[in-house]
Protein backbone atom coordinates (compact mmCIF):
# COMPACT_ATOMS: atom_id res chain seq x y z
CA MET A 1 3.39 23.20 -6.44
CA ASN A 2 0.79 23.04 -3.93
CA ARG A 3 -2.07 24.05 -4.83
CA ASN A 4 -5.13 25.26 -3.51
CA ARG A 5 -6.64 22.24 -1.96
CA LYS A 6 -10.20 23.05 -2.83
CA TYR A 7 -9.04 22.17 -6.36
CA LEU A 8 -7.84 18.43 -4.89
CA GLU A 9 -11.68 18.04 -2.57
CA GLU A 10 -13.60 18.71 -5.92
CA ALA A 11 -10.65 16.42 -7.72
CA ILE A 12 -11.77 13.06 -5.33
CA GLY A 13 -15.33 14.27 -5.46
CA TYR A 14 -15.20 14.58 -1.18
CA SER A 15 -15.58 17.88 0.53
CA PHE A 16 -13.79 17.68 4.23
CA GLN A 17 -14.68 18.66 7.21
CA ASN A 18 -11.79 19.01 9.09
CA LYS A 19 -9.17 21.08 6.48
CA LYS A 20 -6.93 19.77 9.33
CA LEU A 21 -6.94 16.16 8.41
CA LEU A 22 -6.24 16.53 5.23
CA ARG A 23 -3.34 19.32 5.29
CA GLN A 24 -1.81 17.01 7.96
CA ALA A 25 -2.32 14.31 4.94
CA LEU A 26 -0.25 15.78 2.11
CA ILE A 27 2.43 16.58 4.98
CA HIS A 28 5.59 14.98 3.96
CA SER A 29 8.30 14.04 6.80
CA SER A 30 11.25 16.26 5.12
CA TYR A 31 8.90 19.22 5.45
CA VAL A 32 8.09 18.27 9.30
CA ASN A 33 11.51 18.37 10.16
CA GLU A 34 12.81 21.23 7.61
CA HIS A 35 10.30 23.54 9.54
CA HIS A 36 10.99 21.83 12.72
CA MET A 37 7.87 20.94 13.66
CA GLU A 38 6.73 17.98 15.27
CA LYS A 39 7.38 14.66 14.39
CA MET A 40 3.82 13.69 14.50
CA ASP A 41 2.43 16.50 12.29
CA CYS A 42 3.32 14.29 8.85
CA ASN A 43 0.99 12.07 7.74
CA GLU A 44 2.58 9.03 8.46
CA ARG A 45 0.47 8.19 10.87
CA LEU A 46 -2.72 8.62 8.76
CA GLU A 47 -0.26 6.20 6.42
CA PHE A 48 -1.19 3.57 8.66
CA LEU A 49 -4.44 3.91 8.84
CA GLY A 50 -5.29 4.49 5.33
CA ASP A 51 -3.34 1.23 4.54
CA ALA A 52 -5.74 -1.17 7.01
CA VAL A 53 -8.51 1.01 5.20
CA LEU A 54 -7.26 -0.13 2.21
CA GLU A 55 -6.67 -3.72 2.98
CA LEU A 56 -10.03 -4.46 4.32
CA ILE A 57 -12.57 -2.53 2.05
CA SER A 58 -10.07 -4.46 -0.52
CA SER A 59 -10.71 -7.47 0.30
CA ASP A 60 -14.57 -6.84 1.21
CA PHE A 61 -14.15 -5.93 -2.64
CA LEU A 62 -12.76 -9.26 -3.67
CA TYR A 63 -14.97 -11.08 -1.43
CA HIS A 64 -17.84 -10.64 -3.31
CA LYS A 65 -16.74 -9.75 -6.54
CA TYR A 66 -14.66 -12.96 -7.33
CA PRO A 67 -16.95 -15.75 -5.54
CA ASP A 68 -15.32 -18.63 -7.48
CA LYS A 69 -11.73 -17.41 -6.35
CA PRO A 70 -9.77 -19.30 -3.90
CA GLU A 71 -7.77 -17.46 -1.23
CA GLY A 72 -4.65 -17.43 -2.86
CA ASP A 73 -5.77 -15.78 -5.90
CA MET A 74 -7.08 -13.02 -4.02
CA THR A 75 -4.50 -12.59 -2.19
CA LYS A 76 -2.09 -12.47 -5.21
CA LEU A 77 -5.04 -9.79 -6.56
CA ARG A 78 -4.93 -7.60 -3.16
CA ALA A 79 -1.37 -7.42 -3.51
CA SER A 80 -1.47 -5.88 -6.94
CA ILE A 81 -3.78 -3.58 -5.81
CA VAL A 82 -2.21 -2.18 -2.99
CA CYS A 83 1.07 -2.44 -4.34
CA GLU A 84 3.41 0.69 -3.41
CA ALA A 85 3.09 1.60 -7.59
CA THR A 86 -0.18 0.75 -8.33
CA LEU A 87 -1.37 2.87 -5.82
CA ALA A 88 1.20 5.42 -7.22
CA LEU A 89 -0.71 5.32 -10.30
CA CYS A 90 -4.26 5.95 -8.41
CA ALA A 91 -2.26 8.99 -6.69
CA ALA A 92 -1.12 10.41 -10.34
CA GLU A 93 -4.86 10.04 -11.56
CA ILE A 94 -5.18 12.96 -8.52
CA ASN A 95 -2.42 14.76 -9.77
CA LEU A 96 -1.43 14.26 -5.34
CA GLY A 97 1.99 14.99 -5.86
CA ASP A 98 1.30 18.61 -6.62
CA TYR A 99 -0.67 19.43 -3.15
CA LEU A 100 2.31 17.75 -1.51
CA LEU A 101 4.09 19.46 1.53
CA LEU A 102 7.82 18.88 1.01
CA GLY A 103 11.18 19.56 2.17
CA LYS A 104 13.37 21.37 0.01
CA GLY A 105 15.47 18.66 -1.13
CA GLU A 106 12.61 15.91 -1.16
CA GLU A 107 12.02 18.77 -3.74
CA THR A 108 14.50 19.13 -5.63
CA THR A 109 15.18 15.25 -5.99
CA GLY A 110 11.44 14.85 -7.35
CA GLY A 111 9.71 13.40 -4.21
CA ARG A 112 6.32 14.84 -6.18
CA ASN A 113 6.62 12.22 -8.90
CA ARG A 114 8.21 9.28 -6.18
CA SER A 115 6.07 6.52 -6.65
CA SER A 116 7.01 5.92 -2.26
CA VAL A 117 6.44 9.73 -1.42
CA THR A 118 2.97 9.78 -4.02
CA SER A 119 1.51 6.02 -2.41
CA ASP A 120 1.82 6.78 0.50
CA ALA A 121 0.13 9.98 0.46
CA LEU A 122 -2.74 8.39 -1.05
CA GLU A 123 -3.09 5.96 2.17
CA ALA A 124 -2.94 8.75 4.23
CA LEU A 125 -5.20 10.60 2.63
CA ILE A 126 -7.45 7.14 2.75
CA GLY A 127 -6.43 7.42 6.37
CA ALA A 128 -8.01 11.05 6.88
CA ILE A 129 -11.21 10.34 5.02
CA TYR A 130 -11.84 7.51 7.28
CA LEU A 131 -11.43 9.68 10.18
CA ASP A 132 -13.24 13.02 8.86
CA GLY A 133 -16.63 10.86 6.99
CA GLY A 134 -16.53 7.77 8.24
CA PHE A 135 -16.41 4.19 6.75
CA THR A 136 -18.61 4.69 4.54
CA ASN A 137 -17.27 8.01 2.54
CA ALA A 138 -13.68 5.80 2.56
CA LYS A 139 -15.12 2.91 1.26
CA GLU A 140 -16.54 5.15 -1.94
CA PHE A 141 -13.45 7.00 -2.27
CA ILE A 142 -11.66 3.61 -2.45
CA SER A 143 -13.85 2.17 -4.97
CA HIS A 144 -13.68 4.87 -7.53
CA PHE A 145 -9.39 5.95 -7.00
CA VAL A 146 -8.40 2.20 -6.40
CA LEU A 147 -10.97 -0.31 -6.98
CA ASN A 148 -12.05 0.64 -10.45
CA ASP A 149 -9.76 -1.30 -13.80
CA ILE A 150 -8.54 -4.40 -11.76
CA GLU A 151 -7.66 -6.33 -14.49
CA HIS A 152 -5.27 -3.41 -16.02
CA LYS A 153 -3.77 -3.59 -11.82
CA GLN A 154 -3.12 -6.98 -12.72
CA LEU A 155 -0.78 -6.60 -15.14
CA PHE A 156 0.76 -4.63 -13.34
CA PHE A 157 1.50 -6.08 -10.74
CA ASP A 158 2.54 -8.98 -13.40
CA SER A 159 4.14 -6.47 -16.21
CA LYS A 160 8.09 -7.73 -14.63
CA THR A 161 6.76 -11.89 -16.31
CA THR A 162 4.15 -10.06 -19.38
CA LEU A 163 7.44 -7.71 -20.62
CA GLN A 164 9.18 -11.22 -20.46
CA GLU A 165 7.36 -13.00 -22.42
CA ILE A 166 6.86 -10.86 -25.00
CA ILE A 167 11.07 -10.42 -25.49
CA GLN A 168 10.59 -14.03 -25.59
CA GLU A 169 9.22 -13.84 -29.16
CA ASP A 170 12.90 -12.58 -30.30
CA PRO A 171 15.51 -15.36 -29.37
CA ASN A 172 18.00 -13.04 -29.85
CA ALA A 173 16.24 -10.18 -27.30
CA ILE A 174 17.79 -9.43 -23.90
CA LEU A 175 16.26 -8.16 -21.35
CA ARG A 176 17.87 -6.77 -17.93
CA TYR A 177 17.56 -3.88 -15.55
CA GLU A 178 19.92 -1.34 -14.89
CA ILE A 179 19.64 0.84 -11.00
CA LEU A 180 20.39 4.14 -12.23
CA LYS A 181 19.94 6.08 -8.41
CA GLU A 182 19.37 4.64 -5.14
CA LYS A 183 19.57 6.81 -1.90
CA GLY A 184 18.48 6.99 1.87
CA PRO A 185 19.01 5.69 4.69
CA ASP A 186 18.40 1.38 4.46
CA HIS A 187 15.30 1.49 6.22
CA ASN A 188 13.72 4.21 3.40
CA LYS A 189 16.23 3.55 0.47
CA SER A 190 14.47 4.92 -2.96
CA PHE A 191 15.88 3.60 -6.20
CA GLU A 192 15.14 4.57 -9.87
CA ILE A 193 15.76 1.37 -12.53
CA ARG A 194 15.56 1.99 -16.31
CA ALA A 195 14.79 -1.31 -18.08
CA LEU A 196 16.72 -2.41 -21.24
CA LEU A 197 16.06 -4.58 -24.37
CA ASN A 198 19.58 -4.99 -26.03
CA GLU A 199 20.91 -1.81 -24.40
CA THR A 200 18.13 0.36 -25.32
CA GLU A 201 16.42 2.00 -22.88
CA ILE A 202 12.51 1.03 -23.04
CA GLY A 203 11.33 1.70 -19.94
CA ARG A 204 12.27 3.51 -15.89
CA GLY A 205 11.03 3.80 -13.37
CA SER A 206 11.32 4.05 -9.70
CA GLY A 207 9.96 2.95 -6.37
CA ARG A 208 11.01 2.27 -2.30
CA THR A 209 12.13 -1.37 -3.61
CA LYS A 210 14.45 -2.75 -6.18
CA LYS A 211 11.09 -4.72 -7.34
CA SER A 212 8.84 -2.17 -6.73
CA ALA A 213 11.27 -0.30 -9.82
CA GLU A 214 11.75 -3.08 -11.71
CA SER A 215 7.34 -3.50 -12.17
CA MET A 216 7.06 0.00 -12.76
CA ALA A 217 10.27 -0.24 -15.41
CA ALA A 218 8.95 -3.08 -17.07
CA TRP A 219 4.67 -1.71 -17.30
CA ARG A 220 6.04 1.67 -19.30
CA ALA A 221 8.25 -0.33 -21.36
CA ILE A 222 5.38 -2.82 -21.76
CA ILE A 223 3.18 0.27 -23.11
CA ASN A 224 5.91 1.78 -24.95
CA LEU A 225 6.47 -1.53 -26.82
CA LYS A 226 2.72 -1.56 -27.58
CA LYS A 227 3.09 1.55 -29.06
CA GLN A 228 5.35 0.39 -31.51
CA ASP A 229 3.32 -2.30 -32.50
CA GLU A 230 -0.16 -2.93 -31.96
CA SER A 231 0.05 -6.92 -32.87
CA ILE A 232 1.20 -6.98 -29.47
CA CYS A 233 -1.34 -9.23 -26.85
CA ILE A 234 -1.29 -8.10 -23.17
């Protein structure tokens, strides 16, 4: 893919003064390894920074938006916003995967659409915007692309519970999750999992952990079941 990065800038409504920061935010470690670049050239340091900026801005947002929510509820809601699976959804909205610089191996195994890769890249992009344009621009980006549709993201975070509640309406229904693929070293594994209803696949997801992959599979299963039966309330 590797589309012209100016289209990404147009999509997010922010033009970088330092284009090198934008490029670095899109460089996956597999690309660095394959091209014998310095380890620091990948997006992992920007991801580290972006993660911290995202947590601060989302915490500030929730504190002011929900003055009556206790700390525990806000912690759970923040977790639903910043978890891998929901950040991957946010990344998909701007087609972030299309712009990533990946090694050939990562490319051929579907890295552009892997939740762990795109969610990390989104955090790296946040870090790059923060360094390039300051806190205000980072906050504007996060507000527009991450803190939108909070209720939807909360539902996604609770997708496994929600799907189980839907399935329980039929006493004969059996729901289970099956691992299709597991790859990578212990410190950087990725999983692909499908949700099965009475041995029929109803949703599939991928993630850095089994839990995140199952959440993605459950979410897609809910959407698929809703399309088949509009009476399902979610």
